[in-house]
Amino acid sequence: MPTTSHIVCPHCGTVNRSPASRLDEGPKCGKCREELFEAKPLELTGEAFRKHVSHNDIPVVVDFWAAWCGPCKAMAPEFERAAVELKSAARLVKLNTENEPAIAAQFSIRSIPTMMLFRNGREVARQSGAMQAADIVRWVRTQGATARTGS
């Protein structure tokens, strides 16, 4: 595992370097001084999505969803609970496919909710259908993609 990790600030978008061994200790952004990990999913659009997926050294789990989707609404609180458990091991983000159809098309999102796990800017796993929090956490960890397992 690298000795430092690049972490995109969820508040200002600055890419920060933090000792990989200290990610659980509440690191703060060097620019805006806000916490780098909030233990809740981030709502992302366009350029912020691209930055988080390509510049975070930790895995990024994307929930592709839409407001009209019943299973998406049902999974939302479960995704939030998973974000608490995975706090600094993976960045959980949400992308509204109705607001970002080009990104949904780029990744061939055919059904929602669909979760995709990215590492170093590349898709490493995909799962469609609503899931419970424990199943989301297990799925992320099963992919060998949490920050603790290395790159």
Protein backbone atom coordinates (compact mmCIF):
# COMPACT_ATOMS: atom_id res chain seq x y z
CA MET A 1 0.00 0.00 0.00
CA PRO A 2 1.29 3.49 -0.78
CA THR A 3 2.46 5.50 2.22
CA THR A 4 0.28 8.46 1.21
CA SER A 5 -3.18 8.58 -0.29
CA HIS A 6 -4.71 11.23 -2.51
CA ILE A 7 -8.16 12.17 -1.20
CA VAL A 8 -10.51 14.62 -2.92
CA CYS A 9 -12.12 17.04 -0.47
CA PRO A 10 -15.91 16.60 -0.51
CA HIS A 11 -16.33 20.33 0.21
CA CYS A 12 -13.95 22.24 -2.09
CA GLY A 13 -12.69 19.54 -4.47
CA THR A 14 -9.02 20.00 -3.61
CA VAL A 15 -6.91 16.86 -3.95
CA ASN A 16 -5.15 16.28 -0.62
CA ARG A 17 -2.28 13.97 0.30
CA SER A 18 -2.72 12.17 3.59
CA PRO A 19 -0.69 9.40 5.23
CA ALA A 20 -2.50 6.19 4.26
CA SER A 21 -2.09 4.82 7.78
CA ARG A 22 -3.93 7.82 9.26
CA LEU A 23 -7.09 7.97 7.14
CA ASP A 24 -9.20 6.84 10.12
CA GLU A 25 -7.93 9.75 12.23
CA GLY A 26 -10.15 12.46 10.72
CA PRO A 27 -7.81 14.21 8.27
CA LYS A 28 -8.79 17.72 7.18
CA CYS A 29 -8.47 19.45 3.83
CA GLY A 30 -5.34 21.55 3.49
CA LYS A 31 -7.29 24.25 1.67
CA CYS A 32 -10.73 24.61 3.33
CA ARG A 33 -9.89 22.83 6.64
CA GLU A 34 -13.08 20.72 6.46
CA GLU A 35 -13.07 16.97 7.24
CA LEU A 36 -12.12 14.77 4.28
CA PHE A 37 -14.51 12.02 5.42
CA GLU A 38 -18.08 12.75 6.50
CA ALA A 39 -19.51 9.22 6.77
CA LYS A 40 -22.31 10.05 4.34
CA PRO A 41 -22.71 9.75 0.58
CA LEU A 42 -21.83 12.73 -1.58
CA GLU A 43 -24.22 13.95 -4.25
CA LEU A 44 -22.07 14.53 -7.33
CA THR A 45 -22.57 16.00 -10.77
CA GLY A 46 -20.44 16.15 -13.92
CA GLU A 47 -16.93 17.39 -13.27
CA ALA A 48 -17.01 16.61 -9.53
CA PHE A 49 -17.93 13.01 -10.39
CA ARG A 50 -14.97 12.73 -12.78
CA LYS A 51 -12.60 14.25 -10.22
CA HIS A 52 -13.67 11.93 -7.39
CA VAL A 53 -13.50 8.82 -9.57
CA SER A 54 -10.13 9.62 -11.11
CA HIS A 55 -8.24 11.39 -8.28
CA ASN A 56 -9.14 9.46 -5.11
CA ASP A 57 -6.72 6.72 -4.10
CA ILE A 58 -9.46 5.12 -2.04
CA PRO A 59 -12.19 3.19 -3.88
CA VAL A 60 -15.21 5.18 -5.03
CA VAL A 61 -18.62 3.47 -4.94
CA VAL A 62 -21.20 5.20 -7.15
CA ASP A 63 -24.93 4.75 -6.70
CA PHE A 64 -26.56 5.56 -10.06
CA TRP A 65 -30.17 6.49 -9.20
CA ALA A 66 -33.18 8.64 -10.16
CA ALA A 67 -35.83 10.42 -8.09
CA TRP A 68 -38.71 8.53 -9.75
CA CYS A 69 -37.20 5.10 -8.97
CA GLY A 70 -38.89 3.29 -6.06
CA PRO A 71 -36.04 0.81 -5.44
CA CYS A 72 -33.58 3.73 -5.52
CA LYS A 73 -35.57 5.52 -2.81
CA ALA A 74 -35.71 2.32 -0.77
CA MET A 75 -31.95 1.82 -1.04
CA ALA A 76 -31.01 5.43 -0.19
CA PRO A 77 -31.03 5.00 3.63
CA GLU A 78 -29.18 1.70 3.27
CA PHE A 79 -26.49 3.40 1.15
CA GLU A 80 -26.21 6.07 3.87
CA ARG A 81 -25.72 3.42 6.56
CA ALA A 82 -23.06 1.72 4.43
CA ALA A 83 -21.27 5.07 4.07
CA VAL A 84 -21.04 5.32 7.86
CA GLU A 85 -19.49 1.87 8.13
CA LEU A 86 -17.09 2.37 5.21
CA LYS A 87 -16.26 5.98 6.19
CA SER A 88 -12.57 6.23 5.26
CA ALA A 89 -12.23 2.86 3.49
CA ALA A 90 -14.23 3.91 0.43
CA ARG A 91 -15.91 7.09 -0.82
CA LEU A 92 -19.64 6.52 -1.43
CA VAL A 93 -21.24 8.90 -3.91
CA LYS A 94 -24.60 9.28 -5.63
CA LEU A 95 -25.18 10.33 -9.22
CA ASN A 96 -28.69 11.22 -10.42
CA THR A 97 -29.02 9.69 -13.89
CA GLU A 98 -31.81 12.13 -14.83
CA ASN A 99 -29.51 15.11 -14.17
CA GLU A 100 -26.42 13.47 -15.70
CA PRO A 101 -27.64 11.37 -18.66
CA ALA A 102 -24.28 11.63 -20.49
CA ILE A 103 -22.42 10.01 -17.60
CA ALA A 104 -25.11 7.33 -17.27
CA ALA A 105 -24.78 6.64 -21.00
CA GLN A 106 -20.97 6.61 -20.82
CA PHE A 107 -21.15 3.76 -18.29
CA SER A 108 -24.06 1.98 -20.04
CA ILE A 109 -26.40 2.27 -17.07
CA ARG A 110 -29.45 0.28 -18.19
CA SER A 111 -31.23 -0.24 -14.87
CA ILE A 112 -31.23 1.59 -11.57
CA PRO A 113 -30.19 1.46 -8.89
CA THR A 114 -26.81 0.33 -10.15
CA MET A 115 -23.67 0.56 -8.04
CA MET A 116 -20.25 0.73 -9.61
CA LEU A 117 -16.98 0.48 -7.76
CA PHE A 118 -14.05 2.45 -9.17
CA ARG A 119 -10.40 2.18 -8.25
CA ASN A 120 -7.79 4.46 -9.80
CA GLY A 121 -10.37 5.79 -12.26
CA ARG A 122 -11.38 2.35 -13.57
CA GLU A 123 -14.53 0.34 -13.02
CA VAL A 124 -13.68 -2.81 -11.06
CA ALA A 125 -17.17 -4.05 -10.16
CA ARG A 126 -20.85 -3.44 -10.89
CA GLN A 127 -24.02 -4.51 -9.10
CA SER A 128 -27.61 -3.74 -10.11
CA GLY A 129 -30.62 -3.78 -7.80
CA ALA A 130 -31.41 -2.42 -4.36
CA MET A 131 -29.33 -3.78 -1.50
CA GLN A 132 -29.31 -3.60 2.29
CA ALA A 133 -26.47 -1.75 4.06
CA ALA A 134 -24.75 -4.95 5.25
CA ASP A 135 -24.87 -6.33 1.71
CA ILE A 136 -23.39 -3.13 0.28
CA VAL A 137 -20.53 -3.21 2.80
CA ARG A 138 -19.93 -6.91 2.13
CA TRP A 139 -20.00 -6.32 -1.65
CA VAL A 140 -17.43 -3.52 -1.39
CA ARG A 141 -15.16 -5.56 0.87
CA THR A 142 -15.57 -8.70 -1.27
CA GLN A 143 -14.24 -6.77 -4.25
CA GLY A 144 -11.00 -6.37 -2.29
CA ALA A 145 -11.41 -2.70 -2.84
CA THR A 146 -11.31 -1.05 0.55
CA ALA A 147 -8.39 1.23 1.30
CA ARG A 148 -6.98 -1.25 3.84
CA THR A 149 -6.32 -3.89 1.20
CA GLY A 150 -3.99 -1.79 -0.90
CA SER A 151 -3.95 -1.02 -4.57
